[in-house]
PDB file of all heavy atoms in Angstrom:
ATOM      1  N   VAL A   1     267.756 210.271  16.996  1.00  0.00           N
ATOM      2  CA  VAL A   1     267.599 209.033  17.779  1.00  0.00           C
ATOM      3  C   VAL A   1     267.207 207.852  16.883  1.00  0.00           C
ATOM      4  O   VAL A   1     266.787 206.807  17.369  1.00  0.00           O
ATOM      5  CB  VAL A   1     266.583 209.208  18.937  1.00  0.00           C
ATOM      6  CG1 VAL A   1     267.076 210.247  19.929  1.00  0.00           C
ATOM      7  CG2 VAL A   1     265.191 209.542  18.418  1.00  0.00           C
ATOM      8  N   ASN A   2     267.346 208.038  15.570  1.00  0.00           N
ATOM      9  CA  ASN A   2     267.078 206.991  14.585  1.00  0.00           C
ATOM     10  C   ASN A   2     265.652 206.444  14.639  1.00  0.00           C
ATOM     11  O   ASN A   2     265.430 205.249  14.447  1.00  0.00           O
ATOM     12  CB  ASN A   2     268.094 205.843  14.709  1.00  0.00           C
ATOM     13  CG  ASN A   2     269.485 206.297  14.349  1.00  0.00           C
ATOM     14  OD1 ASN A   2     269.673 207.003  13.357  1.00  0.00           O
ATOM     15  ND2 ASN A   2     270.458 205.919  15.161  1.00  0.00           N
ATOM     16  N   ASP A   3     264.689 207.327  14.904  1.00  0.00           N
ATOM     17  CA  ASP A   3     263.285 206.927  14.885  1.00  0.00           C
ATOM     18  C   ASP A   3     262.714 207.268  13.507  1.00  0.00           C
ATOM     19  O   ASP A   3     261.968 208.239  13.335  1.00  0.00           O
ATOM     20  CB  ASP A   3     262.508 207.630  16.002  1.00  0.00           C
ATOM     21  CG  ASP A   3     261.118 207.047  16.190  1.00  0.00           C
ATOM     22  OD1 ASP A   3     260.650 206.282  15.313  1.00  0.00           O
ATOM     23  OD2 ASP A   3     260.480 207.359  17.223  1.00  0.00           O
ATOM     24  N   GLY A   4     263.101 206.461  12.524  1.00  0.00           N
ATOM     25  CA  GLY A   4     262.694 206.706  11.151  1.00  0.00           C
ATOM     26  C   GLY A   4     261.193 206.645  10.947  1.00  0.00           C
ATOM     27  O   GLY A   4     260.637 207.424  10.168  1.00  0.00           O
ATOM     28  N   ALA A   5     260.530 205.744  11.633  1.00  0.00           N
ATOM     29  CA  ALA A   5     259.078 205.617  11.464  1.00  0.00           C
ATOM     30  C   ALA A   5     258.366 206.889  11.915  1.00  0.00           C
ATOM     31  O   ALA A   5     257.479 207.394  11.226  1.00  0.00           O
ATOM     32  CB  ALA A   5     258.554 204.411  12.232  1.00  0.00           C
ATOM     33  N   ALA A   6     258.748 207.406  13.063  1.00  0.00           N
ATOM     34  CA  ALA A   6     258.132 208.647  13.550  1.00  0.00           C
ATOM     35  C   ALA A   6     258.514 209.823  12.656  1.00  0.00           C
ATOM     36  O   ALA A   6     257.695 210.724  12.417  1.00  0.00           O
ATOM     37  CB  ALA A   6     258.546 208.914  14.993  1.00  0.00           C
ATOM     38  N   ALA A   7     259.739 209.821  12.145  1.00  0.00           N
ATOM     39  CA  ALA A   7     260.163 210.884  11.226  1.00  0.00           C
ATOM     40  C   ALA A   7     259.320 210.860   9.956  1.00  0.00           C
ATOM     41  O   ALA A   7     258.897 211.910   9.457  1.00  0.00           O
ATOM     42  CB  ALA A   7     261.644 210.748  10.899  1.00  0.00           C
ATOM     43  N   ASP A   8     259.037 209.657   9.439  1.00  0.00           N
ATOM     44  CA  ASP A   8     258.217 209.531   8.243  1.00  0.00           C
ATOM     45  C   ASP A   8     256.795 210.040   8.495  1.00  0.00           C
ATOM     46  O   ASP A   8     256.203 210.692   7.628  1.00  0.00           O
ATOM     47  CB  ASP A   8     258.177 208.082   7.760  1.00  0.00           C
ATOM     48  CG  ASP A   8     259.522 207.593   7.239  1.00  0.00           C
ATOM     49  OD1 ASP A   8     260.400 208.431   6.922  1.00  0.00           O
ATOM     50  OD2 ASP A   8     259.696 206.356   7.147  1.00  0.00           O
ATOM     51  N   VAL A   9     256.245 209.760   9.671  1.00  0.00           N
ATOM     52  CA  VAL A   9     254.908 210.262  10.023  1.00  0.00           C
ATOM     53  C   VAL A   9     254.924 211.787  10.063  1.00  0.00           C
ATOM     54  O   VAL A   9     254.027 212.442   9.532  1.00  0.00           O
ATOM     55  CB  VAL A   9     254.431 209.674  11.373  1.00  0.00           C
ATOM     56  CG1 VAL A   9     253.197 210.399  11.886  1.00  0.00           C
ATOM     57  CG2 VAL A   9     254.170 208.180  11.233  1.00  0.00           C
ATOM     58  N   LEU A  10     255.955 212.362  10.670  1.00  0.00           N
ATOM     59  CA  LEU A  10     256.058 213.816  10.748  1.00  0.00           C
ATOM     60  C   LEU A  10     256.181 214.425   9.349  1.00  0.00           C
ATOM     61  O   LEU A  10     255.555 215.448   9.059  1.00  0.00           O
ATOM     62  CB  LEU A  10     257.242 214.239  11.628  1.00  0.00           C
ATOM     63  CG  LEU A  10     257.424 215.745  11.830  1.00  0.00           C
ATOM     64  CD1 LEU A  10     256.166 216.391  12.424  1.00  0.00           C
ATOM     65  CD2 LEU A  10     258.639 216.015  12.708  1.00  0.00           C
ATOM     66  N   VAL A  11     256.955 213.806   8.491  1.00  0.00           N
ATOM     67  CA  VAL A  11     257.083 214.319   7.119  1.00  0.00           C
ATOM     68  C   VAL A  11     255.729 214.281   6.420  1.00  0.00           C
ATOM     69  O   VAL A  11     255.367 215.236   5.716  1.00  0.00           O
ATOM     70  CB  VAL A  11     258.159 213.552   6.323  1.00  0.00           C
ATOM     71  CG1 VAL A  11     258.079 213.878   4.832  1.00  0.00           C
ATOM     72  CG2 VAL A  11     259.543 213.876   6.862  1.00  0.00           C
ATOM     73  N   ARG A  12     254.967 213.210   6.603  1.00  0.00           N
ATOM     74  CA  ARG A  12     253.625 213.158   5.999  1.00  0.00           C
ATOM     75  C   ARG A  12     252.753 214.309   6.518  1.00  0.00           C
ATOM     76  O   ARG A  12     251.974 214.894   5.771  1.00  0.00           O
ATOM     77  CB  ARG A  12     252.965 211.805   6.252  1.00  0.00           C
ATOM     78  CG  ARG A  12     253.540 210.697   5.368  1.00  0.00           C
ATOM     79  CD  ARG A  12     252.701 209.430   5.384  1.00  0.00           C
ATOM     80  NE  ARG A  12     252.678 208.741   6.666  1.00  0.00           N
ATOM     81  CZ  ARG A  12     253.626 207.902   7.092  1.00  0.00           C
ATOM     82  NH1 ARG A  12     254.676 207.651   6.338  1.00  0.00           N
ATOM     83  NH2 ARG A  12     253.514 207.313   8.258  1.00  0.00           N
ATOM     84  N   GLN A  13     252.882 214.652   7.796  1.00  0.00           N
ATOM     85  CA  GLN A  13     252.131 215.784   8.354  1.00  0.00           C
ATOM     86  C   GLN A  13     252.592 217.097   7.733  1.00  0.00           C
ATOM     87  O   GLN A  13     251.768 217.975   7.434  1.00  0.00           O
ATOM     88  CB  GLN A  13     252.299 215.829   9.873  1.00  0.00           C
ATOM     89  CG  GLN A  13     251.632 214.680  10.589  1.00  0.00           C
ATOM     90  CD  GLN A  13     251.964 214.641  12.078  1.00  0.00           C
ATOM     91  OE1 GLN A  13     252.815 215.378  12.562  1.00  0.00           O
ATOM     92  NE2 GLN A  13     251.298 213.743  12.789  1.00  0.00           N
ATOM     93  N   ILE A  14     253.894 217.234   7.511  1.00  0.00           N
ATOM     94  CA  ILE A  14     254.424 218.450   6.885  1.00  0.00           C
ATOM     95  C   ILE A  14     253.908 218.570   5.452  1.00  0.00           C
ATOM     96  O   ILE A  14     253.516 219.651   5.005  1.00  0.00           O
ATOM     97  CB  ILE A  14     255.969 218.443   6.914  1.00  0.00           C
ATOM     98  CG1 ILE A  14     256.482 218.459   8.356  1.00  0.00           C
ATOM     99  CG2 ILE A  14     256.532 219.633   6.137  1.00  0.00           C
ATOM    100  CD1 ILE A  14     257.951 218.069   8.492  1.00  0.00           C
ATOM    101  N   VAL A  15     253.874 217.446   4.737  1.00  0.00           N
ATOM    102  CA  VAL A  15     253.369 217.446   3.365  1.00  0.00           C
ATOM    103  C   VAL A  15     251.902 217.873   3.353  1.00  0.00           C
ATOM    104  O   VAL A  15     251.494 218.701   2.526  1.00  0.00           O
ATOM    105  CB  VAL A  15     253.568 216.063   2.699  1.00  0.00           C
ATOM    106  CG1 VAL A  15     252.779 215.943   1.403  1.00  0.00           C
ATOM    107  CG2 VAL A  15     255.058 215.816   2.455  1.00  0.00           C
ATOM    108  N   GLU A  16     251.104 217.346   4.265  1.00  0.00           N
ATOM    109  CA  GLU A  16     249.698 217.752   4.347  1.00  0.00           C
ATOM    110  C   GLU A  16     249.581 219.237   4.676  1.00  0.00           C
ATOM    111  O   GLU A  16     248.706 219.928   4.151  1.00  0.00           O
ATOM    112  CB  GLU A  16     248.944 216.901   5.371  1.00  0.00           C
ATOM    113  CG  GLU A  16     248.723 215.471   4.917  1.00  0.00           C
ATOM    114  CD  GLU A  16     248.031 215.373   3.561  1.00  0.00           C
ATOM    115  OE1 GLU A  16     247.013 216.078   3.339  1.00  0.00           O
ATOM    116  OE2 GLU A  16     248.508 214.599   2.714  1.00  0.00           O
ATOM    117  N   HIS A  17     250.442 219.736   5.533  1.00  0.00           N
ATOM    118  CA  HIS A  17     250.492 221.154   5.883  1.00  0.00           C
ATOM    119  C   HIS A  17     250.733 221.989   4.616  1.00  0.00           C
ATOM    120  O   HIS A  17     250.047 222.981   4.374  1.00  0.00           O
ATOM    121  CB  HIS A  17     251.616 221.370   6.906  1.00  0.00           C
ATOM    122  CG  HIS A  17     251.839 222.775   7.323  1.00  0.00           C
ATOM    123  ND1 HIS A  17     251.179 223.353   8.378  1.00  0.00           N
ATOM    124  CD2 HIS A  17     252.686 223.728   6.838  1.00  0.00           C
ATOM    125  CE1 HIS A  17     251.593 224.593   8.523  1.00  0.00           C
ATOM    126  NE2 HIS A  17     252.514 224.841   7.597  1.00  0.00           N
ATOM    127  N   LEU A  18     251.678 221.564   3.808  1.00  0.00           N
ATOM    128  CA  LEU A  18     251.991 222.290   2.577  1.00  0.00           C
ATOM    129  C   LEU A  18     250.848 222.180   1.571  1.00  0.00           C
ATOM    130  O   LEU A  18     250.543 223.145   0.867  1.00  0.00           O
ATOM    131  CB  LEU A  18     253.292 221.765   1.975  1.00  0.00           C
ATOM    132  CG  LEU A  18     254.557 222.116   2.761  1.00  0.00           C
ATOM    133  CD1 LEU A  18     255.745 221.316   2.257  1.00  0.00           C
ATOM    134  CD2 LEU A  18     254.843 223.608   2.675  1.00  0.00           C
ATOM    135  N   ARG A  19     250.201 221.021   1.507  1.00  0.00           N
ATOM    136  CA  ARG A  19     249.061 220.849   0.586  1.00  0.00           C
ATOM    137  C   ARG A  19     247.890 221.747   0.967  1.00  0.00           C
ATOM    138  O   ARG A  19     247.093 222.121   0.112  1.00  0.00           O
ATOM    139  CB  ARG A  19     248.601 219.396   0.571  1.00  0.00           C
ATOM    140  CG  ARG A  19     249.497 218.511  -0.233  1.00  0.00           C
ATOM    141  CD  ARG A  19     248.920 217.133  -0.359  1.00  0.00           C
ATOM    142  NE  ARG A  19     249.799 216.321  -1.177  1.00  0.00           N
ATOM    143  CZ  ARG A  19     249.836 215.017  -1.129  1.00  0.00           C
ATOM    144  NH1 ARG A  19     249.033 214.353  -0.332  1.00  0.00           N
ATOM    145  NH2 ARG A  19     250.667 214.354  -1.899  1.00  0.00           N
ATOM    146  N   ALA A  20     247.788 222.060   2.244  1.00  0.00           N
ATOM    147  CA  ALA A  20     246.717 222.944   2.713  1.00  0.00           C
ATOM    148  C   ALA A  20     247.090 224.413   2.519  1.00  0.00           C
ATOM    149  O   ALA A  20     246.398 225.295   3.018  1.00  0.00           O
ATOM    150  CB  ALA A  20     246.415 222.667   4.184  1.00  0.00           C
ATOM    151  N   ALA A  21     248.179 224.657   1.810  1.00  0.00           N
ATOM    152  CA  ALA A  21     248.655 226.003   1.500  1.00  0.00           C
ATOM    153  C   ALA A  21     249.051 226.784   2.748  1.00  0.00           C
ATOM    154  O   ALA A  21     248.931 228.010   2.793  1.00  0.00           O
ATOM    155  CB  ALA A  21     247.626 226.772   0.675  1.00  0.00           C
ATOM    156  N   LEU A  22     249.500 226.072   3.772  1.00  0.00           N
ATOM    157  CA  LEU A  22     250.004 226.718   4.967  1.00  0.00           C
ATOM    158  C   LEU A  22     251.511 226.927   4.812  1.00  0.00           C
ATOM    159  O   LEU A  22     252.192 226.135   4.160  1.00  0.00           O
ATOM    160  CB  LEU A  22     249.673 225.880   6.201  1.00  0.00           C
ATOM    161  CG  LEU A  22     248.166 225.711   6.442  1.00  0.00           C
ATOM    162  CD1 LEU A  22     247.909 224.668   7.517  1.00  0.00           C
ATOM    163  CD2 LEU A  22     247.527 227.039   6.823  1.00  0.00           C
ATOM    164  N   PRO A  23     252.037 227.976   5.412  1.00  0.00           N
ATOM    165  CA  PRO A  23     253.427 228.346   5.139  1.00  0.00           C
ATOM    166  C   PRO A  23     254.466 227.451   5.812  1.00  0.00           C
ATOM    167  O   PRO A  23     254.240 226.888   6.876  1.00  0.00           O
ATOM    168  CB  PRO A  23     253.525 229.770   5.681  1.00  0.00           C
ATOM    169  CG  PRO A  23     252.500 229.826   6.769  1.00  0.00           C
ATOM    170  CD  PRO A  23     251.378 228.927   6.310  1.00  0.00           C
ATOM    171  N   LEU A  24     255.598 227.351   5.128  1.00  0.00           N
ATOM    172  CA  LEU A  24     256.792 226.721   5.663  1.00  0.00           C
ATOM    173  C   LEU A  24     257.951 227.555   5.136  1.00  0.00           C
ATOM    174  O   LEU A  24     257.966 227.928   3.967  1.00  0.00           O
ATOM    175  CB  LEU A  24     256.900 225.273   5.177  1.00  0.00           C
ATOM    176  CG  LEU A  24     258.021 224.427   5.761  1.00  0.00           C
ATOM    177  CD1 LEU A  24     257.806 224.200   7.264  1.00  0.00           C
ATOM    178  CD2 LEU A  24     258.095 223.085   5.051  1.00  0.00           C
ATOM    179  N   GLU A  25     258.886 227.864   6.001  1.00  0.00           N
ATOM    180  CA  GLU A  25     260.025 228.685   5.599  1.00  0.00           C
ATOM    181  C   GLU A  25     260.968 227.885   4.713  1.00  0.00           C
ATOM    182  O   GLU A  25     261.221 226.706   4.959  1.00  0.00           O
ATOM    183  CB  GLU A  25     260.780 229.196   6.828  1.00  0.00           C
ATOM    184  CG  GLU A  25     259.995 230.158   7.694  1.00  0.00           C
ATOM    185  CD  GLU A  25     259.711 231.465   6.993  1.00  0.00           C
ATOM    186  OE1 GLU A  25     260.604 231.968   6.282  1.00  0.00           O
ATOM    187  OE2 GLU A  25     258.584 231.971   7.144  1.00  0.00           O
ATOM    188  N   LEU A  26     261.523 228.550   3.710  1.00  0.00           N
ATOM    189  CA  LEU A  26     262.468 227.916   2.807  1.00  0.00           C
ATOM    190  C   LEU A  26     263.661 227.340   3.572  1.00  0.00           C
ATOM    191  O   LEU A  26     264.074 226.212   3.319  1.00  0.00           O
ATOM    192  CB  LEU A  26     262.946 228.924   1.753  1.00  0.00           C
ATOM    193  CG  LEU A  26     263.971 228.421   0.751  1.00  0.00           C
ATOM    194  CD1 LEU A  26     263.436 227.251  -0.054  1.00  0.00           C
ATOM    195  CD2 LEU A  26     264.396 229.566  -0.168  1.00  0.00           C
ATOM    196  N   GLY A  27     264.175 228.085   4.526  1.00  0.00           N
ATOM    197  CA  GLY A  27     265.312 227.602   5.314  1.00  0.00           C
ATOM    198  C   GLY A  27     264.982 226.340   6.094  1.00  0.00           C
ATOM    199  O   GLY A  27     265.814 225.430   6.193  1.00  0.00           O
ATOM    200  N   ASP A  28     263.772 226.259   6.640  1.00  0.00           N
ATOM    201  CA  ASP A  28     263.355 225.053   7.367  1.00  0.00           C
ATOM    202  C   ASP A  28     263.234 223.866   6.419  1.00  0.00           C
ATOM    203  O   ASP A  28     263.657 222.754   6.750  1.00  0.00           O
ATOM    204  CB  ASP A  28     262.024 225.288   8.087  1.00  0.00           C
ATOM    205  CG  ASP A  28     262.152 226.244   9.261  1.00  0.00           C
ATOM    206  OD1 ASP A  28     263.252 226.340   9.849  1.00  0.00           O
ATOM    207  OD2 ASP A  28     261.150 226.893   9.590  1.00  0.00           O
ATOM    208  N   ALA A  29     262.664 224.095   5.237  1.00  0.00           N
ATOM    209  CA  ALA A  29     262.528 223.009   4.264  1.00  0.00           C
ATOM    210  C   ALA A  29     263.905 222.496   3.851  1.00  0.00           C
ATOM    211  O   ALA A  29     264.140 221.287   3.815  1.00  0.00           O
ATOM    212  CB  ALA A  29     261.740 223.487   3.044  1.00  0.00           C
ATOM    213  N   ARG A  30     264.815 223.401   3.570  1.00  0.00           N
ATOM    214  CA  ARG A  30     266.166 222.998   3.162  1.00  0.00           C
ATOM    215  C   ARG A  30     266.869 222.226   4.278  1.00  0.00           C
ATOM    216  O   ARG A  30     267.528 221.218   4.028  1.00  0.00           O
ATOM    217  CB  ARG A  30     266.978 224.226   2.752  1.00  0.00           C
ATOM    218  CG  ARG A  30     266.518 224.780   1.432  1.00  0.00           C
ATOM    219  CD  ARG A  30     267.100 226.090   1.028  1.00  0.00           C
ATOM    220  NE  ARG A  30     268.439 226.363   1.508  1.00  0.00           N
ATOM    221  CZ  ARG A  30     269.126 227.437   1.180  1.00  0.00           C
ATOM    222  NH1 ARG A  30     268.606 228.321   0.349  1.00  0.00           N
ATOM    223  NH2 ARG A  30     270.334 227.643   1.649  1.00  0.00           N
ATOM    224  N   ARG A  31     266.692 222.692   5.517  1.00  0.00           N
ATOM    225  CA  ARG A  31     267.316 222.011   6.654  1.00  0.00           C
ATOM    226  C   ARG A  31     266.754 220.602   6.831  1.00  0.00           C
ATOM    227  O   ARG A  31     267.495 219.632   7.037  1.00  0.00           O
ATOM    228  CB  ARG A  31     267.097 222.825   7.925  1.00  0.00           C
ATOM    229  CG  ARG A  31     267.647 222.159   9.160  1.00  0.00           C
ATOM    230  CD  ARG A  31     267.399 222.999  10.389  1.00  0.00           C
ATOM    231  NE  ARG A  31     267.606 222.189  11.569  1.00  0.00           N
ATOM    232  CZ  ARG A  31     267.020 222.392  12.721  1.00  0.00           C
ATOM    233  NH1 ARG A  31     266.210 223.412  12.880  1.00  0.00           N
ATOM    234  NH2 ARG A  31     267.242 221.603  13.750  1.00  0.00           N
ATOM    235  N   MET A  32     265.429 220.481   6.740  1.00  0.00           N
ATOM    236  CA  MET A  32     264.816 219.171   6.909  1.00  0.00           C
ATOM    237  C   MET A  32     265.243 218.216   5.801  1.00  0.00           C
ATOM    238  O   MET A  32     265.522 217.036   6.063  1.00  0.00           O
ATOM    239  CB  MET A  32     263.292 219.300   6.957  1.00  0.00           C
ATOM    240  CG  MET A  32     262.805 219.946   8.246  1.00  0.00           C
ATOM    241  SD  MET A  32     261.005 219.954   8.394  1.00  0.00           S
ATOM    242  CE  MET A  32     260.572 221.236   7.229  1.00  0.00           C
ATOM    243  N   LEU A  33     265.329 218.701   4.588  1.00  0.00           N
ATOM    244  CA  LEU A  33     265.778 217.850   3.483  1.00  0.00           C
ATOM    245  C   LEU A  33     267.213 217.391   3.706  1.00  0.00           C
ATOM    246  O   LEU A  33     267.549 216.234   3.445  1.00  0.00           O
ATOM    247  CB  LEU A  33     265.649 218.598   2.154  1.00  0.00           C
ATOM    248  CG  LEU A  33     264.212 218.794   1.671  1.00  0.00           C
ATOM    249  CD1 LEU A  33     264.165 219.796   0.523  1.00  0.00           C
ATOM    250  CD2 LEU A  33     263.593 217.474   1.269  1.00  0.00           C
ATOM    251  N   GLY A  34     268.062 218.274   4.197  1.00  0.00           N
ATOM    252  CA  GLY A  34     269.441 217.891   4.502  1.00  0.00           C
ATOM    253  C   GLY A  34     269.509 216.837   5.597  1.00  0.00           C
ATOM    254  O   GLY A  34     270.288 215.881   5.508  1.00  0.00           O
ATOM    255  N   ASP A  35     268.676 217.008   6.635  1.00  0.00           N
ATOM    256  CA  ASP A  35     268.650 216.016   7.720  1.00  0.00           C
ATOM    257  C   ASP A  35     268.173 214.654   7.211  1.00  0.00           C
ATOM    258  O   ASP A  35     268.732 213.620   7.575  1.00  0.00           O
ATOM    259  CB  ASP A  35     267.737 216.490   8.856  1.00  0.00           C
ATOM    260  CG  ASP A  35     268.309 217.671   9.637  1.00  0.00           C
ATOM    261  OD1 ASP A  35     269.524 217.947   9.526  1.00  0.00           O
ATOM    262  OD2 ASP A  35     267.528 218.318  10.366  1.00  0.00           O
ATOM    263  N   LEU A  36     267.147 214.659   6.371  1.00  0.00           N
ATOM    264  CA  LEU A  36     266.641 213.409   5.811  1.00  0.00           C
ATOM    265  C   LEU A  36     267.687 212.750   4.912  1.00  0.00           C
ATOM    266  O   LEU A  36     267.856 211.531   4.926  1.00  0.00           O
ATOM    267  CB  LEU A  36     265.349 213.667   5.021  1.00  0.00           C
ATOM    268  CG  LEU A  36     264.130 214.021   5.869  1.00  0.00           C
ATOM    269  CD1 LEU A  36     263.027 214.616   4.997  1.00  0.00           C
ATOM    270  CD2 LEU A  36     263.616 212.799   6.626  1.00  0.00           C
ATOM    271  N   ARG A  37     268.417 213.546   4.134  1.00  0.00           N
ATOM    272  CA  ARG A  37     269.464 213.003   3.260  1.00  0.00           C
ATOM    273  C   ARG A  37     270.557 212.332   4.075  1.00  0.00           C
ATOM    274  O   ARG A  37     270.999 211.229   3.758  1.00  0.00           O
ATOM    275  CB  ARG A  37     270.067 214.110   2.386  1.00  0.00           C
ATOM    276  CG  ARG A  37     271.159 213.598   1.434  1.00  0.00           C
ATOM    277  CD  ARG A  37     271.802 214.706   0.619  1.00  0.00           C
ATOM    278  NE  ARG A  37     272.199 215.856   1.394  1.00  0.00           N
ATOM    279  CZ  ARG A  37     273.286 215.933   2.156  1.00  0.00           C
ATOM    280  NH1 ARG A  37     274.100 214.907   2.273  1.00  0.00           N
ATOM    281  NH2 ARG A  37     273.572 217.039   2.813  1.00  0.00           N
TER     282      ARG A  37
END
C-alpha cells in the first residue's frame, strides 16, 4: 500500500529484534529484503 514510513518503522523494530539476539528465519529475511528492493 506504499506506506514507506510505516515500513521503515517496522524494519527498525526488526533490526532491534535481531540486535537482541532474537531469532529471524533466513527465508523471512531474504523475502523482506526482496520486498524492500
